[in-house]
């Protein structure tokens, strides 16, 4: 895709660096696709020309730009060229059949949990406001109330704890502890940690103050056990968006972690009775989605920059073992969840693997990328709407749900399934509730 001058040669000018590089030129350079192809090459050219030590430090003062391990490079290479074959498995582009509800009444809900017992949806917005959406006669949803605001931060994954009857379907059997005050949400907040919201009173409590919390799940066989991911040791920062309003931008947060070569992601457990937190897995390159098996024997955790999902055994003879559940995924995996029947898992693919990822092997290029303005970084994003369904026993892909060009849905960050089979999609910049009856 490109060829950079060797590191031991002196490159005195940008023109000289560019002349030594093979930069592809095509008729599409005038549109967005061409822009995404050319910008990485120009970035690498500039990195080669300005290859000084200051590029090897992060501009936010968070430390050095680290070299990528051979293992991580191998994992990223294993994901190359997989997307076309995966998309071919959904010729109908089933995500284009999803229905949009409450248009303009929601913005940037990373996750949308399945409906509560009475059919209502409780959804945190990107600014921390938690809204209630109720079903209406035509099968649509309307926003009926603002329940609470979670405070400063960025809500990501969350679950609804409501039912006490063990006989209810698996996806609805998130039971409250005996002394619980009533229905509640447990939210993984990128700034605060694990946050509890009592839906009846609107009371907000901090369960564990670990910033960079990303996703969580509850053991369906032991409701005192929770598992959650911490993506990095570096906190999300307040930035100003296109609307000039301050917000905690998780895409900027992720991008800085990727540029740094960060491998400080973790999987942790939290005991709701004792309030104690324990570390299960460390050294992950952006830990993301979390899901527990139907029998509670293992926990899955997404490693986004490794294009893989790890299985962590927490019960039985294999307890303590960590193994690969799925790897070589066709794009960056984000959040994941267990299916309604417990026989599979859903994982959202937020962006495709692209040839430009080879740039990330260069510390100089990543140091320069970290210094690009946000608007230019956003030009590098390649749109994709994709959800994969993986068999619970072996991680095999058994279902593909796509909107390859995001003509109907925005890039998907999370997907959950209700007891009746509907899929609820989350997205960083979606402005509606997106519900899919796709025969999953």
Protein backbone atom coordinates (compact mmCIF):
# COMPACT_ATOMS: atom_id res chain seq x y z
CA UNK A 1 0.00 0.00 0.00
CA UNK A 2 2.87 2.35 0.72
CA UNK A 3 6.65 2.39 0.98
CA UNK A 4 8.45 4.65 3.45
CA UNK A 5 12.13 5.57 3.35
CA UNK A 6 14.20 3.44 5.71
CA UNK A 7 14.60 4.81 9.22
CA UNK A 8 18.39 5.06 8.98
CA UNK A 9 18.32 7.45 6.05
CA UNK A 10 18.16 11.21 6.33
CA UNK A 11 15.04 12.79 4.86
CA UNK A 12 15.45 16.53 4.84
CA UNK A 13 12.27 17.73 3.27
CA UNK A 14 8.65 16.71 2.88
CA UNK A 15 9.04 16.77 -0.90
CA UNK A 16 11.91 14.30 -0.72
CA UNK A 17 9.88 11.97 1.52
CA UNK A 18 6.87 12.07 -0.74
CA UNK A 19 8.98 11.38 -3.81
CA UNK A 20 10.21 8.14 -2.23
CA UNK A 21 6.71 6.90 -1.40
CA UNK A 22 4.23 4.98 -3.51
CA UNK A 23 1.03 6.96 -3.00
CA UNK A 24 -1.95 5.53 -4.89
CA UNK A 25 -3.82 7.95 -7.12
CA UNK A 26 -7.31 7.24 -8.37
CA UNK A 27 -10.30 9.03 -9.85
CA UNK A 28 -12.06 8.80 -6.50
CA UNK A 29 -9.64 11.15 -4.75
CA UNK A 30 -12.11 13.99 -5.12
CA UNK A 31 -14.66 12.27 -2.91
CA UNK A 32 -14.58 10.94 0.64
CA UNK A 33 -13.17 7.56 -0.31
CA UNK A 34 -10.24 9.17 -2.07
CA UNK A 35 -9.66 11.47 0.88
CA UNK A 36 -9.46 8.52 3.26
CA UNK A 37 -6.91 6.86 0.97
CA UNK A 38 -4.68 9.89 0.46
CA UNK A 39 -4.60 11.40 3.95
CA UNK A 40 -2.86 8.38 5.58
CA UNK A 41 -0.16 8.50 2.90
CA UNK A 42 0.38 12.23 3.43
CA UNK A 43 0.52 11.61 7.17
CA UNK A 44 3.23 9.00 6.71
CA UNK A 45 5.15 11.29 4.35
CA UNK A 46 5.12 14.08 6.91
CA UNK A 47 6.13 11.67 9.66
CA UNK A 48 9.10 10.54 7.59
CA UNK A 49 10.10 14.17 6.94
CA UNK A 50 9.68 15.34 10.54
CA UNK A 51 10.97 12.16 12.15
CA UNK A 52 12.23 13.78 15.35
CA UNK A 53 11.94 12.67 18.94
CA UNK A 54 9.05 15.00 19.71
CA UNK A 55 6.80 12.87 17.50
CA UNK A 56 7.41 9.93 19.84
CA UNK A 57 5.70 11.68 22.72
CA UNK A 58 1.93 12.09 23.06
CA UNK A 59 0.81 15.71 22.68
CA UNK A 60 -1.53 15.40 25.68
CA UNK A 61 1.42 14.67 27.99
CA UNK A 62 0.29 11.08 28.66
CA UNK A 63 3.68 9.57 27.88
CA UNK A 64 5.50 7.97 24.98
CA UNK A 65 4.15 6.48 21.78
CA UNK A 66 4.76 2.78 22.28
CA UNK A 67 5.84 0.21 19.72
CA UNK A 68 3.18 -2.34 18.80
CA UNK A 69 4.02 -5.86 19.90
CA UNK A 70 4.56 -8.51 17.22
CA UNK A 71 1.52 -10.36 18.59
CA UNK A 72 -0.76 -7.34 18.18
CA UNK A 73 0.53 -6.76 14.65
CA UNK A 74 -0.16 -10.41 13.87
CA UNK A 75 -3.71 -10.12 15.19
CA UNK A 76 -4.37 -7.00 13.10
CA UNK A 77 -2.97 -8.63 9.98
CA UNK A 78 -5.23 -11.66 10.52
CA UNK A 79 -8.26 -9.37 10.16
CA UNK A 80 -7.23 -8.01 6.75
CA UNK A 81 -9.40 -8.76 3.74
CA UNK A 82 -12.24 -10.42 5.67
CA UNK A 83 -14.99 -7.84 5.22
CA UNK A 84 -16.19 -8.64 1.68
CA UNK A 85 -16.81 -12.31 2.44
CA UNK A 86 -18.70 -11.42 5.61
CA UNK A 87 -20.92 -8.86 3.90
CA UNK A 88 -21.69 -11.38 1.15
CA UNK A 89 -23.47 -13.48 3.78
CA UNK A 90 -26.16 -10.81 4.12
CA UNK A 91 -27.13 -9.90 0.55
CA UNK A 92 -30.44 -8.50 1.82
CA UNK A 93 -28.59 -5.94 4.00
CA UNK A 94 -30.97 -6.64 6.87
CA UNK A 95 -30.06 -3.61 8.95
CA UNK A 96 -31.61 -1.46 6.22
CA UNK A 97 -34.96 -2.96 7.27
CA UNK A 98 -34.67 -1.63 10.82
CA UNK A 99 -37.29 0.84 12.04
CA UNK A 100 -36.37 4.25 13.41
CA UNK A 101 -38.42 5.57 16.35
CA UNK A 102 -38.51 8.84 18.28
CA UNK A 103 -36.49 10.64 15.62
CA UNK A 104 -34.62 13.62 17.08
CA UNK A 105 -35.48 12.70 20.69
CA UNK A 106 -32.17 10.99 21.48
CA UNK A 107 -28.52 11.57 20.62
CA UNK A 108 -25.57 9.26 20.94
CA UNK A 109 -26.92 6.38 23.03
CA UNK A 110 -23.95 3.97 23.01
CA UNK A 111 -26.25 1.14 24.18
CA UNK A 112 -30.00 0.53 24.25
CA UNK A 113 -30.99 -2.15 26.74
CA UNK A 114 -34.00 -4.43 26.05
CA UNK A 115 -37.42 -3.26 27.28
CA UNK A 116 -38.43 -3.40 30.93
CA UNK A 117 -41.25 -5.57 32.21
CA UNK A 118 -43.88 -2.99 31.25
CA UNK A 119 -42.38 -2.49 27.79
CA UNK A 120 -40.63 0.80 28.52
CA UNK A 121 -37.07 1.56 27.43
CA UNK A 122 -34.69 3.41 29.74
CA UNK A 123 -31.86 4.95 27.71
CA UNK A 124 -28.92 7.18 28.73
CA UNK A 125 -28.09 9.93 26.24
CA UNK A 126 -24.51 10.97 25.54
CA UNK A 127 -24.78 13.90 27.96
CA UNK A 128 -25.84 11.64 30.86
CA UNK A 129 -29.59 12.27 30.72
CA UNK A 130 -31.63 9.08 31.15
CA UNK A 131 -34.88 9.07 29.19
CA UNK A 132 -37.91 6.82 29.33
CA UNK A 133 -39.46 5.75 26.02
CA UNK A 134 -42.87 4.06 26.05
CA UNK A 135 -44.45 1.91 23.32
CA UNK A 136 -47.51 3.27 21.54
CA UNK A 137 -50.29 1.53 19.64
CA UNK A 138 -48.58 1.43 16.26
CA UNK A 139 -45.53 -0.36 17.67
CA UNK A 140 -43.45 2.78 17.81
CA UNK A 141 -41.79 4.45 20.81
CA UNK A 142 -42.10 7.98 22.13
CA UNK A 143 -40.10 9.75 24.79
CA UNK A 144 -42.31 10.29 27.81
CA UNK A 145 -40.02 11.35 30.66
CA UNK A 146 -36.55 12.38 31.76
CA UNK A 147 -35.74 10.07 34.66
CA UNK A 148 -32.47 11.59 35.88
CA UNK A 149 -29.07 12.86 34.87
CA UNK A 150 -26.04 10.76 35.77
CA UNK A 151 -23.76 13.78 36.11
CA UNK A 152 -20.45 14.57 34.41
CA UNK A 153 -19.19 11.77 32.17
CA UNK A 154 -20.11 9.61 29.20
CA UNK A 155 -22.48 6.63 29.68
CA UNK A 156 -21.50 3.62 27.55
CA UNK A 157 -22.71 0.09 28.32
CA UNK A 158 -25.50 -0.47 30.86
CA UNK A 159 -28.01 -3.04 32.07
CA UNK A 160 -31.48 -2.90 33.56
CA UNK A 161 -31.96 -4.73 36.88
CA UNK A 162 -35.63 -5.27 37.50
CA UNK A 163 -37.07 -8.76 37.84
CA UNK A 164 -37.03 -11.05 40.86
CA UNK A 165 -38.67 -14.15 39.37
CA UNK A 166 -36.14 -16.75 38.18
CA UNK A 167 -38.73 -18.27 35.85
CA UNK A 168 -38.61 -15.30 33.49
CA UNK A 169 -36.81 -15.59 30.12
CA UNK A 170 -33.04 -15.43 30.27
CA UNK A 171 -32.61 -11.92 28.92
CA UNK A 172 -35.11 -10.61 31.47
CA UNK A 173 -33.76 -12.49 34.47
CA UNK A 174 -31.55 -9.70 35.79
CA UNK A 175 -32.62 -10.02 39.37
CA UNK A 176 -32.42 -7.46 42.12
CA UNK A 177 -30.76 -8.29 45.39
CA UNK A 178 -33.20 -8.82 48.30
CA UNK A 179 -32.45 -5.42 49.84
CA UNK A 180 -32.52 -3.48 46.57
CA UNK A 181 -34.70 -0.36 46.58
CA UNK A 182 -36.38 -1.21 43.25
CA UNK A 183 -35.67 -1.27 39.51
CA UNK A 184 -32.34 0.27 38.58
CA UNK A 185 -29.78 0.80 35.87
CA UNK A 186 -26.10 -0.06 36.32
CA UNK A 187 -24.07 2.05 33.91
CA UNK A 188 -20.44 1.85 32.80
CA UNK A 189 -19.44 5.50 32.58
CA UNK A 190 -16.18 6.43 30.82
CA UNK A 191 -15.42 9.17 33.36
CA UNK A 192 -16.97 8.01 36.63
CA UNK A 193 -16.84 4.19 36.68
CA UNK A 194 -19.81 1.97 37.57
CA UNK A 195 -22.85 4.11 38.35
CA UNK A 196 -26.17 2.96 39.82
CA UNK A 197 -29.44 4.76 39.07
CA UNK A 198 -32.58 3.95 41.06
CA UNK A 199 -35.40 4.42 38.57
CA UNK A 200 -38.05 5.05 41.22
CA UNK A 201 -36.32 7.84 43.10
CA UNK A 202 -33.79 9.03 40.52
CA UNK A 203 -30.99 8.58 43.06
CA UNK A 204 -27.52 8.21 41.49
CA UNK A 205 -24.76 6.32 43.35
CA UNK A 206 -21.17 5.54 42.45
CA UNK A 207 -20.41 1.83 42.92
CA UNK A 208 -16.73 1.77 41.94
CA UNK A 209 -14.75 4.89 40.95
CA UNK A 210 -12.71 3.50 38.06
CA UNK A 211 -12.60 5.85 35.07
CA UNK A 212 -12.59 4.41 31.55
CA UNK A 213 -15.30 1.84 32.34
CA UNK A 214 -16.79 0.74 29.02
CA UNK A 215 -19.19 -2.21 29.20
CA UNK A 216 -20.64 -4.64 31.75
CA UNK A 217 -22.79 -7.72 32.27
CA UNK A 218 -24.35 -9.65 35.15
CA UNK A 219 -23.93 -13.37 35.81
CA UNK A 220 -27.44 -14.74 35.07
CA UNK A 221 -26.92 -17.59 37.56
CA UNK A 222 -25.56 -15.46 40.42
CA UNK A 223 -26.97 -11.98 40.45
CA UNK A 224 -24.38 -10.69 42.91
CA UNK A 225 -21.59 -11.03 40.34
CA UNK A 226 -20.90 -8.43 37.68
CA UNK A 227 -18.10 -8.15 35.14
CA UNK A 228 -16.95 -4.96 33.43
CA UNK A 229 -14.21 -3.65 31.17
CA UNK A 230 -11.85 -0.74 31.75
CA UNK A 231 -10.52 0.30 28.35
CA UNK A 232 -7.35 2.11 29.42
CA UNK A 233 -5.63 3.81 32.34
CA UNK A 234 -5.97 7.17 30.57
CA UNK A 235 -9.23 9.05 31.22
CA UNK A 236 -11.63 10.41 28.64
CA UNK A 237 -11.26 14.17 28.17
CA UNK A 238 -13.67 17.03 27.73
CA UNK A 239 -13.62 18.40 24.20
CA UNK A 240 -15.74 20.82 22.18
CA UNK A 241 -17.85 19.22 19.47
CA UNK A 242 -19.01 20.60 16.14
CA UNK A 243 -21.86 22.32 17.98
CA UNK A 244 -19.27 24.09 20.19
CA UNK A 245 -20.68 22.40 23.29
CA UNK A 246 -18.31 20.59 25.68
CA UNK A 247 -18.70 16.82 25.90
CA UNK A 248 -16.69 13.73 26.69
CA UNK A 249 -15.74 12.40 23.27
CA UNK A 250 -15.11 8.65 23.37
CA UNK A 251 -13.98 8.50 19.74
CA UNK A 252 -11.23 11.04 20.51
CA UNK A 253 -10.43 9.01 23.65
CA UNK A 254 -10.16 5.80 21.64
CA UNK A 255 -8.08 7.45 18.94
CA UNK A 256 -5.55 8.73 21.46
CA UNK A 257 -5.27 5.23 22.94
CA UNK A 258 -4.69 3.72 19.50
CA UNK A 259 -2.08 6.38 18.64
CA UNK A 260 -0.29 5.76 21.94
CA UNK A 261 -0.18 2.01 21.33
CA UNK A 262 -1.95 1.59 24.65
CA UNK A 263 -2.27 -1.89 26.17
CA UNK A 264 -3.58 -1.03 29.63
CA UNK A 265 -7.12 -2.35 29.14
CA UNK A 266 -8.57 -4.70 31.77
CA UNK A 267 -11.46 -7.01 32.61
CA UNK A 268 -12.67 -6.82 36.19
CA UNK A 269 -15.32 -8.37 38.41
CA UNK A 270 -17.51 -6.54 40.90
CA UNK A 271 -19.38 -8.19 43.77
CA UNK A 272 -22.61 -6.36 44.45
CA UNK A 273 -22.87 -7.76 47.99
CA UNK A 274 -19.36 -7.00 49.22
CA UNK A 275 -18.65 -4.03 46.96
CA UNK A 276 -15.23 -5.52 46.12
CA UNK A 277 -13.56 -5.29 42.72
CA UNK A 278 -11.07 -7.86 41.38
CA UNK A 279 -8.85 -7.83 38.30
CA UNK A 280 -9.21 -10.80 35.91
CA UNK A 281 -7.32 -9.87 32.72
CA UNK A 282 -4.78 -7.12 32.00
CA UNK A 283 -2.72 -5.93 29.04
CA UNK A 284 -5.59 -5.52 26.57
CA UNK A 285 -5.39 -3.13 23.63
CA UNK A 286 -8.60 -1.21 24.35
CA UNK A 287 -10.87 -3.54 26.34
CA UNK A 288 -14.46 -3.06 25.22
CA UNK A 289 -17.61 -5.24 25.17
CA UNK A 290 -18.40 -7.75 27.94
CA UNK A 291 -20.89 -10.63 28.02
CA UNK A 292 -21.42 -13.58 30.39
CA UNK A 293 -22.41 -17.05 29.20
CA UNK A 294 -25.88 -18.40 29.99
CA UNK A 295 -24.52 -20.80 32.62
CA UNK A 296 -22.13 -18.27 34.12
CA UNK A 297 -19.07 -20.42 33.38
CA UNK A 298 -17.22 -17.88 31.25
CA UNK A 299 -17.02 -14.18 30.45
CA UNK A 300 -16.24 -12.73 27.03
CA UNK A 301 -14.30 -9.49 26.64
CA UNK A 302 -13.61 -7.62 23.40
CA UNK A 303 -10.11 -6.40 22.56
CA UNK A 304 -10.93 -3.81 19.91
CA UNK A 305 -7.44 -3.17 18.54
CA UNK A 306 -6.74 -6.90 18.37
CA UNK A 307 -9.89 -7.55 16.32
CA UNK A 308 -10.69 -10.40 18.70
CA UNK A 309 -12.77 -11.62 21.62
CA UNK A 310 -11.27 -13.45 24.59
CA UNK A 311 -13.02 -16.08 26.71
CA UNK A 312 -12.21 -15.97 30.43
CA UNK A 313 -13.31 -19.06 32.35
CA UNK A 314 -14.58 -18.13 35.83
CA UNK A 315 -16.16 -21.41 36.94
CA UNK A 316 -15.46 -25.15 36.76
CA UNK A 317 -12.24 -27.01 35.95
CA UNK A 318 -11.12 -24.35 33.47
CA UNK A 319 -11.55 -21.45 35.91
CA UNK A 320 -8.74 -18.94 35.50
CA UNK A 321 -7.93 -19.92 31.91
CA UNK A 322 -8.00 -17.29 29.17
CA UNK A 323 -8.37 -18.30 25.52
CA UNK A 324 -9.36 -16.86 22.16
CA UNK A 325 -13.09 -17.06 21.47
CA UNK A 326 -13.04 -15.31 18.07
CA UNK A 327 -10.30 -13.49 16.15
CA UNK A 328 -9.67 -12.06 12.70
CA UNK A 329 -12.97 -10.18 12.86
CA UNK A 330 -13.62 -8.06 9.74
CA UNK A 331 -13.56 -4.78 11.61
CA UNK A 332 -13.13 -3.17 15.01
CA UNK A 333 -15.42 -4.98 17.49
CA UNK A 334 -17.19 -2.77 19.99
CA UNK A 335 -19.82 -3.83 22.53
CA UNK A 336 -21.38 -7.29 22.74
CA UNK A 337 -24.24 -9.06 24.47
CA UNK A 338 -25.79 -12.48 25.01
CA UNK A 339 -28.74 -13.49 22.83
CA UNK A 340 -32.19 -13.93 24.32
CA UNK A 341 -31.96 -17.73 24.27
CA UNK A 342 -28.39 -17.78 25.58
CA UNK A 343 -27.11 -19.86 22.65
CA UNK A 344 -25.19 -17.09 20.90
CA UNK A 345 -23.72 -13.63 21.28
CA UNK A 346 -24.06 -10.45 19.26
CA UNK A 347 -21.10 -8.16 18.62
CA UNK A 348 -21.18 -4.74 16.95
CA UNK A 349 -18.48 -3.94 14.38
CA UNK A 350 -18.08 -0.18 14.46
CA UNK A 351 -15.56 0.26 11.61
CA UNK A 352 -13.88 -1.94 9.00
CA UNK A 353 -10.29 -3.11 8.87
CA UNK A 354 -8.53 -1.02 6.21
CA UNK A 355 -5.07 -1.09 4.56
CA UNK A 356 -4.31 2.25 6.23
CA UNK A 357 -3.91 0.34 9.50
CA UNK A 358 -0.40 -0.51 8.37
CA UNK A 359 0.41 3.08 9.28
CA UNK A 360 -0.21 2.24 12.92
CA UNK A 361 2.91 0.07 12.98
CA UNK A 362 5.02 3.21 12.74
CA UNK A 363 5.55 5.08 16.01
CA UNK A 364 6.35 8.26 14.09
CA UNK A 365 3.16 8.06 12.06
CA UNK A 366 1.06 7.47 15.19
CA UNK A 367 2.78 10.38 16.91
CA UNK A 368 1.83 12.60 14.00
CA UNK A 369 -1.70 11.24 13.80
CA UNK A 370 -2.17 12.12 17.47
CA UNK A 371 -1.46 15.74 16.54
CA UNK A 372 -4.00 16.03 13.75
CA UNK A 373 -7.05 18.23 14.39
CA UNK A 374 -10.23 16.35 15.27
CA UNK A 375 -12.04 17.37 12.08
CA UNK A 376 -9.27 15.83 10.00
CA UNK A 377 -9.22 12.65 12.07
CA UNK A 378 -12.94 12.25 11.43
CA UNK A 379 -12.20 12.29 7.70
CA UNK A 380 -10.39 8.99 8.18
CA UNK A 381 -13.49 7.21 9.46
CA UNK A 382 -14.97 4.67 7.07
CA UNK A 383 -18.76 4.20 7.51
CA UNK A 384 -20.06 0.70 8.21
CA UNK A 385 -23.16 -0.77 9.80
CA UNK A 386 -22.47 -4.34 10.86
CA UNK A 387 -23.54 -6.81 13.57
CA UNK A 388 -22.26 -10.36 13.85
CA UNK A 389 -23.92 -13.24 15.67
CA UNK A 390 -21.47 -15.74 17.16
CA UNK A 391 -22.27 -19.26 18.36
CA UNK A 392 -21.77 -19.50 22.12
CA UNK A 393 -19.97 -22.84 22.03
CA UNK A 394 -17.12 -21.96 19.65
CA UNK A 395 -17.39 -18.33 18.46
CA UNK A 396 -18.31 -19.30 14.89
CA UNK A 397 -20.14 -16.58 12.92
CA UNK A 398 -23.69 -17.83 12.42
CA UNK A 399 -25.41 -14.57 11.50
CA UNK A 400 -24.57 -11.34 9.68
CA UNK A 401 -26.69 -8.18 9.77
CA UNK A 402 -25.42 -5.35 7.61
CA UNK A 403 -25.99 -1.89 6.23
CA UNK A 404 -22.63 -1.70 4.49
CA UNK A 405 -22.89 1.96 3.47
CA UNK A 406 -24.85 3.16 6.54
CA UNK A 407 -27.68 4.37 4.34
CA UNK A 408 -30.26 3.60 7.03
CA UNK A 409 -28.38 3.22 10.32
CA UNK A 410 -25.31 4.89 11.77
CA UNK A 411 -22.22 2.82 12.69
CA UNK A 412 -23.35 0.40 15.40
CA UNK A 413 -21.63 0.42 18.79
CA UNK A 414 -23.85 -2.06 20.66
CA UNK A 415 -26.69 -4.49 20.07
CA UNK A 416 -29.04 -6.16 22.53
CA UNK A 417 -31.91 -8.60 21.98
CA UNK A 418 -35.32 -8.66 23.63
CA UNK A 419 -37.20 -11.83 24.53
CA UNK A 420 -39.31 -11.52 21.35
CA UNK A 421 -36.19 -11.48 19.13
CA UNK A 422 -35.96 -7.79 18.28
CA UNK A 423 -32.54 -6.15 18.13
CA UNK A 424 -31.92 -2.74 19.70
CA UNK A 425 -28.96 -0.83 18.26
CA UNK A 426 -26.72 1.70 19.96
CA UNK A 427 -24.59 4.31 18.17
CA UNK A 428 -22.30 7.18 19.11
CA UNK A 429 -24.13 9.69 16.89
CA UNK A 430 -27.54 8.17 16.17
CA UNK A 431 -30.48 10.54 16.67
CA UNK A 432 -33.22 7.93 17.02
CA UNK A 433 -34.10 4.59 18.58
CA UNK A 434 -33.29 1.90 16.02
CA UNK A 435 -35.15 -1.41 16.40
CA UNK A 436 -34.73 -4.38 14.07
CA UNK A 437 -37.07 -7.32 13.55
CA UNK A 438 -34.63 -9.26 11.43
CA UNK A 439 -35.36 -12.85 12.41
CA UNK A 440 -32.15 -13.03 14.42
